[in-house]
Amino acid sequence: MDERIAVGRRGEAAVERHYVGHGYRVVARNWRCRIGELDLVLTRGGTLVVCEVKTRRGTEYGTPLEKVTRDKAERLRRLAARWMALNDVHPGDVRIDLVAVVRPPRGRAEVEHVRGAIW
């Protein structure tokens, strides 16, 4: 497996464990359609959370959250709407969270969680 993909998968797995530990239920992982992918779709209570995880090994090319452009944010909104329509899901509340994970070769990972960053 490509090292970049492996780093990304480890980041997504850590973020998933964090959400589950806080009472969220995972309803989809790495859901794909022709316009893109949703990393995690979760629920807790009446809230549906779409989570975009950006994992990097360092910040020499910018922080992970800087990689979420206006176009990417719009695509996430369209993907969330498409996922809800295809799964006939009508939650009371929807939010899109961004989680940045920086996993340096040594030391602890740094995590930045922005709740409701997009919608």
N, C-alpha and C. Protein backbone atom coordinates (compact mmCIF):
# COMPACT_ATOMS: atom_id res chain seq x y z
N MET A 1 0.84 -1.17 0.00
CA MET A 1 0.00 0.00 0.00
C MET A 1 0.89 1.24 0.00
N ASP A 2 0.51 2.22 -0.76
CA ASP A 2 1.21 3.50 -0.82
C ASP A 2 1.28 4.10 0.60
N GLU A 3 2.44 4.63 0.97
CA GLU A 3 2.63 5.19 2.32
C GLU A 3 1.65 6.32 2.61
N ARG A 4 1.36 7.16 1.61
CA ARG A 4 0.40 8.25 1.82
C ARG A 4 -0.98 7.71 2.18
N ILE A 5 -1.38 6.65 1.49
CA ILE A 5 -2.69 6.05 1.76
C ILE A 5 -2.70 5.46 3.16
N ALA A 6 -1.62 4.79 3.54
CA ALA A 6 -1.53 4.19 4.87
C ALA A 6 -1.61 5.26 5.96
N VAL A 7 -0.91 6.38 5.77
CA VAL A 7 -0.96 7.48 6.75
C VAL A 7 -2.39 8.00 6.86
N GLY A 8 -3.04 8.19 5.72
CA GLY A 8 -4.42 8.67 5.72
C GLY A 8 -5.37 7.71 6.42
N ARG A 9 -5.22 6.42 6.16
CA ARG A 9 -6.09 5.42 6.80
C ARG A 9 -5.89 5.40 8.32
N ARG A 10 -4.63 5.52 8.76
CA ARG A 10 -4.38 5.55 10.21
C ARG A 10 -5.02 6.78 10.84
N GLY A 11 -4.94 7.90 10.15
CA GLY A 11 -5.57 9.12 10.66
C GLY A 11 -7.08 8.97 10.75
N GLU A 12 -7.69 8.42 9.71
CA GLU A 12 -9.14 8.21 9.71
C GLU A 12 -9.56 7.25 10.82
N ALA A 13 -8.80 6.19 11.02
CA ALA A 13 -9.11 5.22 12.08
C ALA A 13 -9.04 5.87 13.45
N ALA A 14 -8.05 6.72 13.69
CA ALA A 14 -7.92 7.40 14.98
C ALA A 14 -9.08 8.35 15.20
N VAL A 15 -9.48 9.07 14.17
CA VAL A 15 -10.60 10.01 14.29
C VAL A 15 -11.89 9.24 14.54
N GLU A 16 -12.07 8.12 13.84
CA GLU A 16 -13.26 7.30 14.06
C GLU A 16 -13.32 6.83 15.51
N ARG A 17 -12.22 6.35 16.05
CA ARG A 17 -12.19 5.90 17.46
C ARG A 17 -12.58 7.05 18.39
N HIS A 18 -12.10 8.25 18.09
CA HIS A 18 -12.42 9.42 18.91
C HIS A 18 -13.93 9.67 18.92
N TYR A 19 -14.55 9.69 17.74
CA TYR A 19 -15.99 9.93 17.66
C TYR A 19 -16.76 8.83 18.39
N VAL A 20 -16.42 7.58 18.13
CA VAL A 20 -17.13 6.45 18.77
C VAL A 20 -16.98 6.55 20.29
N GLY A 21 -15.82 6.92 20.76
CA GLY A 21 -15.60 7.10 22.19
C GLY A 21 -16.43 8.20 22.80
N HIS A 22 -16.92 9.10 21.96
CA HIS A 22 -17.78 10.19 22.42
C HIS A 22 -19.25 9.95 22.08
N GLY A 23 -19.60 8.71 21.83
CA GLY A 23 -21.01 8.34 21.67
C GLY A 23 -21.58 8.42 20.27
N TYR A 24 -20.75 8.62 19.26
CA TYR A 24 -21.24 8.64 17.88
C TYR A 24 -21.29 7.23 17.33
N ARG A 25 -22.18 7.03 16.37
CA ARG A 25 -22.29 5.75 15.68
C ARG A 25 -21.88 5.97 14.22
N VAL A 26 -20.99 5.12 13.72
CA VAL A 26 -20.53 5.22 12.34
C VAL A 26 -21.58 4.58 11.44
N VAL A 27 -22.03 5.33 10.43
CA VAL A 27 -22.99 4.77 9.48
C VAL A 27 -22.38 4.56 8.10
N ALA A 28 -21.23 5.20 7.82
CA ALA A 28 -20.54 4.95 6.55
C ALA A 28 -19.08 5.36 6.69
N ARG A 29 -18.22 4.60 6.01
CA ARG A 29 -16.78 4.90 5.94
C ARG A 29 -16.37 4.92 4.48
N ASN A 30 -15.62 5.92 4.11
CA ASN A 30 -15.07 6.00 2.74
C ASN A 30 -16.14 5.76 1.68
N TRP A 31 -17.29 6.42 1.85
CA TRP A 31 -18.38 6.31 0.89
C TRP A 31 -18.01 7.08 -0.37
N ARG A 32 -18.16 6.43 -1.53
CA ARG A 32 -17.76 7.05 -2.79
C ARG A 32 -18.91 7.08 -3.79
N CYS A 33 -18.87 8.11 -4.60
CA CYS A 33 -19.73 8.20 -5.77
C CYS A 33 -18.91 8.92 -6.85
N ARG A 34 -19.51 9.22 -7.97
CA ARG A 34 -18.73 9.77 -9.09
C ARG A 34 -18.13 11.15 -8.81
N ILE A 35 -18.67 11.89 -7.83
CA ILE A 35 -18.13 13.24 -7.59
C ILE A 35 -17.14 13.30 -6.44
N GLY A 36 -16.95 12.19 -5.72
CA GLY A 36 -15.98 12.22 -4.64
C GLY A 36 -16.23 11.20 -3.56
N GLU A 37 -15.67 11.48 -2.38
CA GLU A 37 -15.71 10.54 -1.27
C GLU A 37 -15.98 11.27 0.04
N LEU A 38 -16.74 10.61 0.91
CA LEU A 38 -16.93 11.05 2.29
C LEU A 38 -16.11 10.12 3.17
N ASP A 39 -15.24 10.69 4.01
CA ASP A 39 -14.40 9.85 4.87
C ASP A 39 -15.22 9.13 5.92
N LEU A 40 -16.01 9.88 6.69
CA LEU A 40 -16.83 9.29 7.75
C LEU A 40 -18.20 9.96 7.76
N VAL A 41 -19.23 9.15 7.97
CA VAL A 41 -20.58 9.65 8.20
C VAL A 41 -21.01 9.03 9.52
N LEU A 42 -21.41 9.88 10.47
CA LEU A 42 -21.72 9.42 11.81
C LEU A 42 -23.03 10.05 12.28
N THR A 43 -23.62 9.43 13.31
CA THR A 43 -24.81 10.02 13.93
C THR A 43 -24.67 10.00 15.44
N ARG A 44 -25.32 10.94 16.06
CA ARG A 44 -25.49 10.96 17.52
C ARG A 44 -26.73 11.78 17.78
N GLY A 45 -27.68 11.15 18.47
CA GLY A 45 -28.96 11.82 18.66
C GLY A 45 -29.59 12.08 17.30
N GLY A 46 -30.08 13.26 17.08
CA GLY A 46 -30.70 13.61 15.80
C GLY A 46 -29.74 14.30 14.84
N THR A 47 -28.44 14.24 15.12
CA THR A 47 -27.46 14.94 14.29
C THR A 47 -26.69 13.98 13.41
N LEU A 48 -26.60 14.33 12.13
CA LEU A 48 -25.77 13.61 11.19
C LEU A 48 -24.49 14.42 11.03
N VAL A 49 -23.35 13.75 11.16
CA VAL A 49 -22.05 14.42 11.02
C VAL A 49 -21.30 13.78 9.86
N VAL A 50 -20.90 14.62 8.91
CA VAL A 50 -20.01 14.21 7.84
C VAL A 50 -18.64 14.74 8.24
N CYS A 51 -17.66 13.86 8.29
CA CYS A 51 -16.33 14.26 8.76
C CYS A 51 -15.30 14.07 7.66
N GLU A 52 -14.62 15.16 7.34
CA GLU A 52 -13.51 15.14 6.40
C GLU A 52 -12.23 15.09 7.22
N VAL A 53 -11.43 14.05 7.01
CA VAL A 53 -10.19 13.88 7.75
C VAL A 53 -9.02 14.17 6.80
N LYS A 54 -8.15 15.06 7.23
CA LYS A 54 -6.94 15.37 6.47
C LYS A 54 -5.75 15.00 7.34
N THR A 55 -4.97 14.03 6.90
CA THR A 55 -3.82 13.56 7.66
C THR A 55 -2.55 13.82 6.86
N ARG A 56 -1.57 14.38 7.53
CA ARG A 56 -0.28 14.64 6.90
C ARG A 56 0.82 14.24 7.86
N ARG A 57 2.03 14.04 7.34
CA ARG A 57 3.18 13.70 8.18
C ARG A 57 3.88 14.94 8.71
N GLY A 58 3.58 16.08 8.15
CA GLY A 58 4.21 17.32 8.59
C GLY A 58 3.47 18.50 8.00
N THR A 59 3.98 19.70 8.29
CA THR A 59 3.31 20.91 7.80
C THR A 59 4.19 21.72 6.86
N GLU A 60 5.27 21.12 6.37
CA GLU A 60 6.17 21.88 5.50
C GLU A 60 5.50 22.38 4.22
N TYR A 61 4.40 21.76 3.81
CA TYR A 61 3.65 22.22 2.64
C TYR A 61 2.31 22.82 3.04
N GLY A 62 2.20 23.25 4.29
CA GLY A 62 0.96 23.82 4.80
C GLY A 62 0.26 22.85 5.73
N THR A 63 -0.67 23.37 6.49
CA THR A 63 -1.41 22.53 7.43
C THR A 63 -2.46 21.72 6.67
N PRO A 64 -2.89 20.62 7.24
CA PRO A 64 -3.92 19.81 6.56
C PRO A 64 -5.19 20.60 6.27
N LEU A 65 -5.61 21.46 7.20
CA LEU A 65 -6.86 22.21 6.97
C LEU A 65 -6.73 23.22 5.84
N GLU A 66 -5.52 23.68 5.57
CA GLU A 66 -5.32 24.60 4.45
C GLU A 66 -5.60 23.92 3.11
N LYS A 67 -5.64 22.62 3.10
CA LYS A 67 -5.90 21.87 1.87
C LYS A 67 -7.40 21.78 1.55
N VAL A 68 -8.25 22.25 2.48
CA VAL A 68 -9.69 22.25 2.23
C VAL A 68 -10.05 23.59 1.61
N THR A 69 -10.13 23.58 0.29
CA THR A 69 -10.41 24.79 -0.48
C THR A 69 -11.92 25.05 -0.54
N ARG A 70 -12.28 26.19 -1.08
CA ARG A 70 -13.71 26.51 -1.29
C ARG A 70 -14.37 25.44 -2.17
N ASP A 71 -13.66 25.00 -3.21
CA ASP A 71 -14.20 23.95 -4.09
C ASP A 71 -14.41 22.65 -3.33
N LYS A 72 -13.46 22.29 -2.48
CA LYS A 72 -13.58 21.06 -1.68
C LYS A 72 -14.76 21.18 -0.72
N ALA A 73 -14.94 22.34 -0.09
CA ALA A 73 -16.07 22.55 0.82
C ALA A 73 -17.40 22.39 0.09
N GLU A 74 -17.49 22.96 -1.10
CA GLU A 74 -18.72 22.83 -1.89
C GLU A 74 -18.95 21.38 -2.28
N ARG A 75 -17.90 20.67 -2.65
CA ARG A 75 -18.03 19.25 -3.00
C ARG A 75 -18.52 18.45 -1.80
N LEU A 76 -18.00 18.75 -0.61
CA LEU A 76 -18.45 18.05 0.60
C LEU A 76 -19.94 18.29 0.85
N ARG A 77 -20.40 19.52 0.62
CA ARG A 77 -21.83 19.81 0.78
C ARG A 77 -22.66 18.98 -0.20
N ARG A 78 -22.21 18.94 -1.45
CA ARG A 78 -22.95 18.15 -2.46
C ARG A 78 -22.92 16.66 -2.14
N LEU A 79 -21.76 16.17 -1.69
CA LEU A 79 -21.65 14.75 -1.32
C LEU A 79 -22.57 14.42 -0.15
N ALA A 80 -22.60 15.28 0.86
CA ALA A 80 -23.47 15.04 2.02
C ALA A 80 -24.93 14.99 1.59
N ALA A 81 -25.34 15.94 0.75
CA ALA A 81 -26.72 15.96 0.26
C ALA A 81 -27.03 14.71 -0.55
N ARG A 82 -26.09 14.29 -1.39
CA ARG A 82 -26.30 13.09 -2.20
C ARG A 82 -26.40 11.85 -1.32
N TRP A 83 -25.50 11.73 -0.32
CA TRP A 83 -25.54 10.58 0.58
C TRP A 83 -26.89 10.50 1.29
N MET A 84 -27.36 11.65 1.79
CA MET A 84 -28.65 11.67 2.50
C MET A 84 -29.80 11.28 1.56
N ALA A 85 -29.79 11.79 0.33
CA ALA A 85 -30.86 11.47 -0.62
C ALA A 85 -30.84 9.99 -0.99
N LEU A 86 -29.67 9.45 -1.29
CA LEU A 86 -29.58 8.05 -1.69
C LEU A 86 -29.91 7.08 -0.55
N ASN A 87 -29.69 7.53 0.69
CA ASN A 87 -29.97 6.67 1.85
C ASN A 87 -31.27 7.03 2.54
N ASP A 88 -32.03 7.95 1.94
CA ASP A 88 -33.32 8.38 2.47
C ASP A 88 -33.20 8.77 3.96
N VAL A 89 -32.19 9.58 4.25
CA VAL A 89 -31.92 10.03 5.61
C VAL A 89 -32.31 11.49 5.71
N HIS A 90 -33.09 11.81 6.75
CA HIS A 90 -33.58 13.18 6.96
C HIS A 90 -33.33 13.57 8.42
N PRO A 91 -32.10 13.89 8.76
CA PRO A 91 -31.77 14.18 10.16
C PRO A 91 -32.33 15.53 10.60
N GLY A 92 -32.42 15.69 11.93
CA GLY A 92 -32.85 16.97 12.48
C GLY A 92 -31.79 18.03 12.28
N ASP A 93 -30.54 17.62 12.28
CA ASP A 93 -29.43 18.55 12.13
C ASP A 93 -28.31 17.87 11.35
N VAL A 94 -27.59 18.65 10.56
CA VAL A 94 -26.47 18.14 9.77
C VAL A 94 -25.29 19.09 9.99
N ARG A 95 -24.12 18.51 10.14
CA ARG A 95 -22.93 19.36 10.17
C ARG A 95 -21.79 18.64 9.48
N ILE A 96 -20.86 19.44 8.99
CA ILE A 96 -19.66 18.89 8.37
C ILE A 96 -18.48 19.34 9.23
N ASP A 97 -17.79 18.35 9.79
CA ASP A 97 -16.61 18.61 10.61
C ASP A 97 -15.35 18.39 9.79
N LEU A 98 -14.33 19.15 10.11
CA LEU A 98 -13.01 18.93 9.55
C LEU A 98 -12.07 18.54 10.67
N VAL A 99 -11.30 17.49 10.45
CA VAL A 99 -10.33 17.07 11.45
C VAL A 99 -8.97 16.95 10.76
N ALA A 100 -8.01 17.71 11.28
CA ALA A 100 -6.65 17.68 10.76
C ALA A 100 -5.80 16.85 11.71
N VAL A 101 -5.05 15.92 11.15
CA VAL A 101 -4.15 15.08 11.94
C VAL A 101 -2.75 15.22 11.33
N VAL A 102 -1.80 15.64 12.17
CA VAL A 102 -0.40 15.69 11.75
C VAL A 102 0.31 14.61 12.54
N ARG A 103 0.82 13.61 11.80
CA ARG A 103 1.50 12.46 12.42
C ARG A 103 2.98 12.50 12.04
N PRO A 104 3.78 13.18 12.85
CA PRO A 104 5.21 13.24 12.52
C PRO A 104 5.85 11.87 12.70
N PRO A 105 7.03 11.65 12.11
CA PRO A 105 7.71 10.35 12.25
C PRO A 105 7.98 9.98 13.71
N ARG A 106 8.20 11.00 14.54
CA ARG A 106 8.42 10.76 15.98
C ARG A 106 7.50 11.65 16.79
N GLY A 107 7.11 11.17 17.93
CA GLY A 107 6.28 11.98 18.81
C GLY A 107 4.80 11.75 18.58
N ARG A 108 4.03 12.50 19.33
CA ARG A 108 2.57 12.34 19.30
C ARG A 108 1.95 13.05 18.11
N ALA A 109 0.84 12.52 17.68
CA ALA A 109 0.07 13.17 16.62
C ALA A 109 -0.59 14.43 17.17
N GLU A 110 -0.69 15.43 16.33
CA GLU A 110 -1.42 16.65 16.67
C GLU A 110 -2.75 16.61 15.96
N VAL A 111 -3.83 16.91 16.68
CA VAL A 111 -5.17 16.84 16.10
C VAL A 111 -5.87 18.18 16.29
N GLU A 112 -6.47 18.68 15.21
CA GLU A 112 -7.29 19.89 15.27
C GLU A 112 -8.66 19.53 14.73
N HIS A 113 -9.68 19.73 15.55
CA HIS A 113 -11.05 19.34 15.21
C HIS A 113 -11.89 20.61 15.10
N VAL A 114 -12.44 20.84 13.92
CA VAL A 114 -13.30 22.01 13.70
C VAL A 114 -14.72 21.50 13.46
N ARG A 115 -15.57 21.65 14.48
CA ARG A 115 -16.96 21.18 14.39
C ARG A 115 -17.78 22.17 13.58
N GLY A 116 -18.59 21.63 12.67
CA GLY A 116 -19.49 22.48 11.89
C GLY A 116 -18.75 23.48 11.03
N ALA A 117 -17.61 23.07 10.52
CA ALA A 117 -16.77 23.99 9.73
C ALA A 117 -17.43 24.39 8.43
N ILE A 118 -18.27 23.51 7.89
CA ILE A 118 -18.89 23.73 6.58
C ILE A 118 -20.38 23.41 6.69
N TRP A 119 -21.18 24.19 6.05
CA TRP A 119 -22.57 23.86 5.75
C TRP A 119 -23.28 25.04 5.22
